[in-house]
Amino acid sequence: MKKSLTAIDLFCGAGGLTEGLRQAGFQVLAGNDFDEAAGATFAATHRDAKFLPGPVQQITAEDFLKASGLRRGELDCLVGGPPCQAFSVYNHQRGMHDERSQLFREYLRLVEGLYPRWVVMENVTGITSAGGGEAVRAIVNGLNRLGYRVEHQTLKAEDYGVPQERRRVVFIGNRVGFPIVWPSKTHGTSLGQEAFTTIQDAIGDLPLLMNGEDRGDLPYRHKAKGTYQKLLRGDSTVVKNHSAPRLGPINVERLKFIPQGGSWRDIPFELLPAGMKKAKRSDHTKRYGRMTWDGLSCTVLTKCDIHWGAYIHPDQDRAISVREAARIQSFPDWFQFEGSRTEQYVQVGNAVPPLLGRNIGEALIKAHSIDELYENEQELLAVG
């Protein structure tokens, strides 16, 4: 049996990327994040990994080497997604002046200190335009100087079975001459691909909830239907983190007028928030949006706030729960989020969807297999 590839996860949050790599066959040895609630979730759900709390600026390569039991150069892969708010299109003051935009330099510092064979970094697509692309150039040039050949692509989460429109820029590189392999799309409309995972596929089996209702752990609504529900349920027998945020009476009244696929435009004018009464019909396209059972979700953010996007349940007059958001992010049901409900939403929204992480991990393993096959062929040719 081949030895599992090892990884360390920077800016790990609750552990979405760690979970994806684990599913792919990696052994994640350690993770770091400054968020205490996310760290509690990571520590509880990945007990084989050592969690190092605190700001990354205070963590040294030696700290990680001690936690992992490795020496410099022995780690297979360093992964991480530096906080993306500085680059997000939702941040209208985004740019390289934001101190959060410099956290990728901490990643480069630890790449130099750990000297892993592989590096993987992910971020929002806004990183390609913020500062005129300065961050992308700095990342690529910084890795090049450390001896890594690196490529970057924009990956769509829905292409890998995640029921959500989510775009992320992913950087993959290595210093050992392996080919860089990108994950093949598994879902879509092309021949041989599975159909996109829908909202019905994702959350159709979860219990009914009233607005503001919290009844603790609940039984499933019915038996799992379809591959996705079976995959995320695993051996779970109850649904956790499933409670509905309480919307005020005026919002509950507004929801009554919004059909599946509808939005704020369906709300009677007299019920609209004051600011939206002045909006053009082309503005705020996702606000007060209601999901459709046969469609994809919009990007899950750190607040599933109906004022921000299409986070209204398809046929229940309420916002989606943390568990529903987690299902849309492809977190398995055994994955319990710690902290307040607000902190739980943040953890889910900040995460790399585990299914996307799994496909990235499998691509790295495939690159190893290709290189090993090439080496074996060269050995056979030399003997012949």
Protein backbone atom coordinates (compact mmCIF):
# COMPACT_ATOMS: atom_id res chain seq x y z
CA MET A 1 0.00 0.00 0.00
CA LYS A 2 1.39 3.39 -1.01
CA LYS A 3 2.10 5.94 1.69
CA SER A 4 -0.47 8.76 1.89
CA LEU A 5 0.66 12.16 0.74
CA THR A 6 0.97 14.65 3.58
CA ALA A 7 -0.42 18.19 3.77
CA ILE A 8 -0.59 21.23 6.03
CA ASP A 9 -3.52 23.66 5.70
CA LEU A 10 -2.91 27.39 6.26
CA PHE A 11 -5.91 29.68 6.88
CA CYS A 12 -7.76 26.39 7.33
CA GLY A 13 -10.97 27.79 8.80
CA ALA A 14 -13.39 25.00 9.67
CA GLY A 15 -11.48 22.62 7.40
CA GLY A 16 -13.28 22.43 4.05
CA LEU A 17 -10.09 21.99 2.04
CA THR A 18 -8.66 19.66 4.68
CA GLU A 19 -11.79 17.51 4.45
CA GLY A 20 -11.56 17.39 0.67
CA LEU A 21 -7.91 16.34 0.79
CA ARG A 22 -8.73 13.70 3.40
CA GLN A 23 -11.40 12.28 1.11
CA ALA A 24 -8.86 12.21 -1.72
CA GLY A 25 -6.46 10.14 0.41
CA PHE A 26 -4.15 12.76 1.92
CA GLN A 27 -3.00 12.80 5.52
CA VAL A 28 -3.43 16.37 6.76
CA LEU A 29 -0.99 16.81 9.62
CA ALA A 30 -1.71 20.35 10.82
CA GLY A 31 -3.76 23.49 10.26
CA ASN A 32 -3.74 27.10 11.36
CA ASP A 33 -6.34 29.85 11.66
CA PHE A 34 -6.86 32.87 13.90
CA ASP A 35 -10.64 32.34 14.18
CA GLU A 36 -11.35 30.58 17.48
CA ALA A 37 -14.74 29.14 16.52
CA ALA A 38 -13.42 27.84 13.21
CA GLY A 39 -10.44 26.37 15.04
CA ALA A 40 -12.77 24.56 17.44
CA THR A 41 -14.63 23.07 14.46
CA PHE A 42 -11.38 22.07 12.74
CA ALA A 43 -9.99 20.46 15.89
CA ALA A 44 -13.21 18.52 16.55
CA THR A 45 -13.64 17.26 12.98
CA HIS A 46 -10.00 16.49 12.13
CA ARG A 47 -8.57 14.92 15.25
CA ASP A 48 -5.57 13.48 13.39
CA ALA A 49 -4.38 16.98 12.51
CA LYS A 50 -2.70 19.32 14.99
CA PHE A 51 -4.43 22.73 15.12
CA LEU A 52 -2.15 25.72 15.70
CA PRO A 53 -4.26 28.71 16.81
CA GLY A 54 -3.49 32.38 16.33
CA PRO A 55 -2.50 34.86 13.61
CA VAL A 56 -0.36 33.27 10.90
CA GLN A 57 2.21 36.05 11.40
CA GLN A 58 3.00 34.49 14.78
CA ILE A 59 3.41 30.94 13.44
CA THR A 60 6.83 29.79 12.27
CA ALA A 61 7.83 26.99 9.92
CA GLU A 62 9.48 25.36 12.94
CA ASP A 63 6.11 25.33 14.72
CA PHE A 64 4.61 23.37 11.84
CA LEU A 65 7.58 21.02 11.56
CA LYS A 66 7.33 20.23 15.27
CA ALA A 67 3.56 19.68 15.02
CA SER A 68 3.87 17.42 11.98
CA GLY A 69 7.00 15.52 12.97
CA LEU A 70 8.61 16.35 9.63
CA ARG A 71 11.85 17.99 8.58
CA ARG A 72 12.15 20.80 6.05
CA GLY A 73 11.55 19.46 2.55
CA GLU A 74 9.63 16.35 3.65
CA LEU A 75 6.10 17.79 3.44
CA ASP A 76 4.25 16.81 0.28
CA CYS A 77 1.85 19.75 0.02
CA LEU A 78 1.21 23.11 1.65
CA VAL A 79 -2.32 24.34 0.93
CA GLY A 80 -4.17 27.44 1.93
CA GLY A 81 -6.53 30.25 1.08
CA PRO A 82 -5.43 33.59 2.51
CA PRO A 83 -8.49 35.62 3.62
CA CYS A 84 -10.17 36.87 0.49
CA GLN A 85 -12.19 39.89 1.67
CA ALA A 86 -9.58 42.31 0.34
CA PHE A 87 -10.10 40.93 -3.18
CA SER A 88 -13.84 40.20 -3.11
CA VAL A 89 -16.08 41.96 -5.61
CA TYR A 90 -18.44 42.53 -2.66
CA ASN A 91 -15.79 44.80 -1.13
CA HIS A 92 -16.04 48.06 -3.04
CA GLN A 93 -12.83 49.38 -1.46
CA ARG A 94 -10.89 46.26 -2.38
CA GLY A 95 -7.28 46.47 -3.44
CA MET A 96 -3.67 45.95 -2.49
CA HIS A 97 -3.84 48.76 0.11
CA ASP A 98 -5.97 46.49 2.35
CA GLU A 99 -3.62 44.80 4.84
CA ARG A 100 -5.49 41.49 4.34
CA SER A 101 -4.28 41.49 0.73
CA GLN A 102 -0.74 40.99 2.00
CA LEU A 103 -1.43 37.73 3.84
CA PHE A 104 -0.35 35.73 0.79
CA ARG A 105 3.18 36.85 1.69
CA GLU A 106 2.85 34.86 4.92
CA TYR A 107 2.02 31.84 2.78
CA LEU A 108 5.20 32.45 0.74
CA ARG A 109 7.20 32.80 3.97
CA LEU A 110 6.03 29.40 5.13
CA VAL A 111 6.60 27.84 1.70
CA GLU A 112 10.22 28.90 2.04
CA GLY A 113 10.45 27.57 5.58
CA LEU A 114 8.71 24.25 4.99
CA TYR A 115 9.88 23.73 1.39
CA PRO A 116 7.03 21.36 0.42
CA ARG A 117 7.05 19.43 -2.84
CA TRP A 118 3.69 20.92 -3.84
CA VAL A 119 1.90 24.19 -3.19
CA VAL A 120 -1.82 24.88 -3.60
CA MET A 121 -3.40 28.27 -2.97
CA GLU A 122 -6.99 29.36 -3.63
CA ASN A 123 -8.73 32.72 -3.62
CA VAL A 124 -11.66 34.63 -5.05
CA THR A 125 -11.57 35.63 -8.70
CA GLY A 126 -11.22 39.27 -7.68
CA ILE A 127 -7.56 38.57 -6.93
CA THR A 128 -6.87 38.60 -10.68
CA SER A 129 -8.02 42.22 -11.05
CA ALA A 130 -7.32 43.82 -7.67
CA GLY A 131 -4.34 46.13 -7.94
CA GLY A 132 -4.22 45.51 -11.67
CA GLY A 133 -3.29 41.85 -11.09
CA GLU A 134 -0.43 42.77 -8.74
CA ALA A 135 -1.28 40.02 -6.26
CA VAL A 136 -1.25 37.26 -8.90
CA ARG A 137 2.10 38.46 -10.24
CA ALA A 138 3.53 38.61 -6.73
CA ILE A 139 2.34 35.08 -5.92
CA VAL A 140 3.66 33.55 -9.15
CA ASN A 141 6.96 35.46 -9.04
CA GLY A 142 7.42 34.67 -5.35
CA LEU A 143 6.93 30.95 -5.91
CA ASN A 144 9.16 31.02 -8.99
CA ARG A 145 11.96 32.55 -6.92
CA LEU A 146 11.62 29.71 -4.42
CA GLY A 147 12.03 27.16 -7.22
CA TYR A 148 8.40 26.32 -7.96
CA ARG A 149 6.79 26.07 -11.36
CA VAL A 150 3.24 27.28 -10.89
CA GLU A 151 0.04 27.61 -12.90
CA HIS A 152 -3.33 29.10 -12.00
CA GLN A 153 -6.85 28.54 -13.27
CA THR A 154 -10.37 29.63 -12.34
CA LEU A 155 -12.35 26.58 -11.23
CA LYS A 156 -16.15 26.43 -11.02
CA ALA A 157 -17.40 24.48 -8.03
CA GLU A 158 -20.54 23.31 -9.86
CA ASP A 159 -18.31 21.49 -12.38
CA TYR A 160 -17.29 19.15 -9.56
CA GLY A 161 -20.70 18.28 -8.12
CA VAL A 162 -21.16 21.24 -5.76
CA PRO A 163 -24.74 22.61 -6.10
CA GLN A 164 -23.58 26.19 -6.21
CA GLU A 165 -22.26 28.82 -8.59
CA ARG A 166 -18.87 29.45 -7.03
CA ARG A 167 -15.71 30.60 -8.80
CA ARG A 168 -12.27 30.33 -7.26
CA VAL A 169 -8.78 30.99 -8.61
CA VAL A 170 -6.50 28.08 -7.76
CA PHE A 171 -2.70 28.12 -7.93
CA ILE A 172 -0.91 24.76 -8.20
CA GLY A 173 2.86 24.36 -8.35
CA ASN A 174 5.70 22.04 -7.47
CA ARG A 175 9.49 22.13 -7.21
CA VAL A 176 10.22 18.53 -8.21
CA GLY A 177 9.36 18.51 -11.91
CA PHE A 178 6.03 16.71 -11.64
CA PRO A 179 3.44 17.58 -14.30
CA ILE A 180 0.73 19.98 -13.13
CA VAL A 181 -2.59 18.19 -13.56
CA TRP A 182 -5.90 20.02 -13.24
CA PRO A 183 -9.04 18.21 -12.09
CA SER A 184 -11.30 17.03 -14.89
CA LYS A 185 -14.86 18.33 -14.80
CA THR A 186 -17.23 15.68 -13.48
CA HIS A 187 -20.56 17.53 -13.87
CA GLY A 188 -22.09 19.52 -16.69
CA THR A 189 -23.88 19.10 -19.99
CA SER A 190 -21.14 17.37 -22.00
CA LEU A 191 -21.22 13.70 -22.95
CA GLY A 192 -20.01 11.50 -20.12
CA GLN A 193 -20.58 14.13 -17.41
CA GLU A 194 -23.12 13.85 -14.62
CA ALA A 195 -25.91 16.42 -14.44
CA PHE A 196 -25.31 19.41 -12.18
CA THR A 197 -26.28 18.81 -8.55
CA THR A 198 -29.45 20.77 -7.81
CA ILE A 199 -30.87 22.34 -4.67
CA GLN A 200 -33.36 19.46 -4.52
CA ASP A 201 -30.47 16.99 -4.65
CA ALA A 202 -28.71 18.93 -1.92
CA ILE A 203 -31.30 19.74 0.74
CA GLY A 204 -34.56 18.03 -0.23
CA ASP A 205 -34.29 15.48 2.59
CA LEU A 206 -33.72 17.96 5.43
CA PRO A 207 -36.43 18.61 8.05
CA LEU A 208 -39.08 21.30 7.67
CA LEU A 209 -38.54 24.45 9.70
CA MET A 210 -40.62 27.49 10.55
CA ASN A 211 -39.09 30.96 10.55
CA GLY A 212 -36.89 31.31 13.65
CA GLU A 213 -37.39 27.68 14.69
CA ASP A 214 -34.63 25.81 16.56
CA ARG A 215 -35.47 22.30 17.73
CA GLY A 216 -31.90 21.01 18.11
CA ASP A 217 -30.87 17.78 16.40
CA LEU A 218 -33.63 16.49 14.13
CA PRO A 219 -34.43 13.31 12.19
CA TYR A 220 -34.20 13.36 8.42
CA ARG A 221 -37.34 14.21 6.47
CA HIS A 222 -37.22 10.96 4.50
CA LYS A 223 -34.78 8.37 3.20
CA ALA A 224 -31.84 9.65 1.20
CA LYS A 225 -32.64 10.14 -2.45
CA GLY A 226 -29.83 10.27 -4.95
CA THR A 227 -26.06 10.02 -4.80
CA TYR A 228 -25.44 13.43 -3.23
CA GLN A 229 -27.71 12.96 -0.22
CA LYS A 230 -26.31 9.48 0.40
CA LEU A 231 -22.75 10.79 0.11
CA LEU A 232 -23.22 13.64 2.57
CA ARG A 233 -25.31 11.66 5.05
CA GLY A 234 -22.79 8.87 5.38
CA ASP A 235 -23.62 7.14 8.66
CA SER A 236 -25.34 10.18 10.21
CA THR A 237 -28.71 9.51 11.84
CA VAL A 238 -29.67 13.07 12.83
CA VAL A 239 -29.37 16.55 11.31
CA LYS A 240 -27.21 19.04 13.24
CA ASN A 241 -26.79 22.82 12.89
CA HIS A 242 -30.29 23.03 11.39
CA SER A 243 -32.18 26.00 12.77
CA ALA A 244 -33.80 28.93 10.99
CA PRO A 245 -32.69 32.53 11.60
CA ARG A 246 -35.56 34.70 12.81
CA LEU A 247 -36.75 37.17 10.20
CA GLY A 248 -38.80 40.17 11.30
CA PRO A 249 -42.53 40.43 10.50
CA ILE A 250 -42.00 42.80 7.55
CA ASN A 251 -39.56 40.36 5.91
CA VAL A 252 -41.90 37.42 6.48
CA GLU A 253 -44.62 39.43 4.74
CA ARG A 254 -42.31 40.21 1.81
CA LEU A 255 -41.42 36.52 1.36
CA LYS A 256 -45.05 35.61 0.69
CA PHE A 257 -44.87 37.38 -2.67
CA ILE A 258 -41.60 35.82 -3.92
CA PRO A 259 -41.95 32.64 -6.07
CA GLN A 260 -39.15 30.19 -6.78
CA GLY A 261 -36.60 32.00 -8.90
CA GLY A 262 -38.12 35.33 -7.90
CA SER A 263 -36.50 38.24 -6.09
CA TRP A 264 -37.14 41.71 -4.65
CA ARG A 265 -38.87 42.66 -7.91
CA ASP A 266 -41.80 40.47 -6.89
CA ILE A 267 -42.38 42.34 -3.64
CA PRO A 268 -45.14 44.99 -3.78
CA PHE A 269 -43.62 48.45 -4.00
CA GLU A 270 -45.12 49.61 -0.72
CA LEU A 271 -43.40 46.70 1.12
CA LEU A 272 -39.91 47.30 -0.29
CA PRO A 273 -37.15 48.65 1.99
CA ALA A 274 -36.82 52.42 1.52
CA GLY A 275 -33.50 52.18 -0.28
CA MET A 276 -34.78 49.60 -2.76
CA LYS A 277 -37.75 51.75 -3.74
CA LYS A 278 -35.23 53.93 -5.55
CA ALA A 279 -33.44 51.00 -7.22
CA LYS A 280 -33.51 50.25 -10.94
CA ARG A 281 -35.03 46.94 -11.94
CA SER A 282 -31.58 45.84 -13.09
CA ASP A 283 -30.01 46.50 -9.67
CA HIS A 284 -29.52 44.07 -6.78
CA THR A 285 -30.25 41.05 -8.93
CA LYS A 286 -29.91 38.46 -6.12
CA ARG A 287 -31.50 40.35 -3.24
CA TYR A 288 -34.50 38.67 -1.67
CA GLY A 289 -33.98 35.81 -4.07
CA ARG A 290 -35.77 32.51 -3.59
CA MET A 291 -33.95 29.35 -4.61
CA THR A 292 -35.39 26.95 -7.17
CA TRP A 293 -35.47 23.22 -6.50
CA ASP A 294 -34.09 22.39 -9.94
CA GLY A 295 -31.35 25.05 -10.00
CA LEU A 296 -28.02 25.91 -8.42
CA SER A 297 -27.47 28.15 -5.43
CA CYS A 298 -25.75 31.50 -5.75
CA THR A 299 -22.38 31.72 -3.98
CA VAL A 300 -22.69 30.92 -0.28
CA LEU A 301 -21.28 33.91 1.60
CA THR A 302 -20.42 34.44 5.27
CA LYS A 303 -23.98 35.64 5.83
CA CYS A 304 -26.89 33.86 4.22
CA ASP A 305 -28.74 37.12 4.56
CA ILE A 306 -31.76 37.54 2.30
CA HIS A 307 -30.80 41.20 1.86
CA TRP A 308 -27.54 40.03 0.23
CA GLY A 309 -28.59 37.25 -2.10
CA ALA A 310 -30.83 34.33 -3.00
CA TYR A 311 -30.90 32.59 0.37
CA ILE A 312 -34.64 32.06 0.75
CA HIS A 313 -35.68 28.39 0.96
CA PRO A 314 -37.47 27.16 -2.20
CA ASP A 315 -40.84 26.58 -0.54
CA GLN A 316 -40.51 27.52 3.14
CA ASP A 317 -40.80 31.20 4.05
CA ARG A 318 -37.45 31.51 5.79
CA ALA A 319 -33.72 31.88 5.18
CA ILE A 320 -31.66 28.71 4.76
CA SER A 321 -30.10 27.15 7.86
CA VAL A 322 -26.41 26.59 8.54
CA ARG A 323 -26.84 22.90 7.65
CA GLU A 324 -28.52 23.77 4.36
CA ALA A 325 -25.67 26.16 3.56
CA ALA A 326 -23.20 23.42 4.53
CA ARG A 327 -24.97 20.92 2.25
CA ILE A 328 -24.74 23.46 -0.59
CA GLN A 329 -21.00 23.72 0.18
CA SER A 330 -20.76 19.85 0.13
CA PHE A 331 -19.85 19.40 3.82
CA PRO A 332 -20.80 15.94 5.13
CA ASP A 333 -23.54 15.84 7.75
CA TRP A 334 -21.26 14.49 10.50
CA PHE A 335 -19.36 17.75 10.26
CA GLN A 336 -20.63 19.76 13.25
CA PHE A 337 -19.91 23.50 13.32
CA GLU A 338 -18.97 25.09 16.64
CA GLY A 339 -19.63 28.59 17.95
CA SER A 340 -22.65 30.86 17.63
CA ARG A 341 -24.94 30.54 14.62
CA THR A 342 -23.41 33.71 13.17
CA GLU A 343 -19.93 32.18 13.55
CA GLN A 344 -21.16 28.96 11.95
CA TYR A 345 -22.41 30.81 8.86
CA VAL A 346 -19.02 32.53 8.59
CA GLN A 347 -17.20 29.19 8.75
CA VAL A 348 -19.38 27.67 6.04
CA GLY A 349 -19.17 30.69 3.75
CA ASN A 350 -15.40 31.04 4.04
CA ALA A 351 -14.71 27.38 3.29
CA VAL A 352 -13.43 25.66 0.19
CA PRO A 353 -16.19 23.19 -0.76
CA PRO A 354 -14.86 19.77 0.27
CA LEU A 355 -15.87 18.23 -3.07
CA LEU A 356 -13.79 20.82 -4.91
CA GLY A 357 -10.90 20.16 -2.53
CA ARG A 358 -11.26 16.44 -3.11
CA ASN A 359 -10.98 16.86 -6.87
CA ILE A 360 -7.90 19.06 -6.48
CA GLY A 361 -6.33 16.45 -4.20
CA GLU A 362 -7.10 13.66 -6.64
CA ALA A 363 -5.46 15.70 -9.43
CA LEU A 364 -2.26 15.99 -7.36
CA ILE A 365 -2.27 12.24 -6.74
CA LYS A 366 -2.78 11.67 -10.46
CA ALA A 367 0.25 13.87 -11.19
CA HIS A 368 2.30 11.64 -8.92
CA SER A 369 1.03 8.54 -10.72
CA ILE A 370 1.91 10.00 -14.13
CA ASP A 371 5.42 10.83 -12.96
CA GLU A 372 5.91 7.37 -11.42
CA LEU A 373 4.67 5.75 -14.65
CA TYR A 374 7.17 7.82 -16.65
CA GLU A 375 10.02 6.83 -14.31
CA ASN A 376 9.09 3.14 -14.60
CA GLU A 377 9.05 3.38 -18.39
CA GLN A 378 12.46 5.03 -18.39
CA GLU A 379 13.85 2.27 -16.15
CA LEU A 380 12.46 -0.41 -18.46
CA LEU A 381 13.98 1.31 -21.50
CA ALA A 382 17.35 1.51 -19.74
CA VAL A 383 17.25 -2.20 -18.89
CA GLY A 384 16.17 -3.08 -22.42
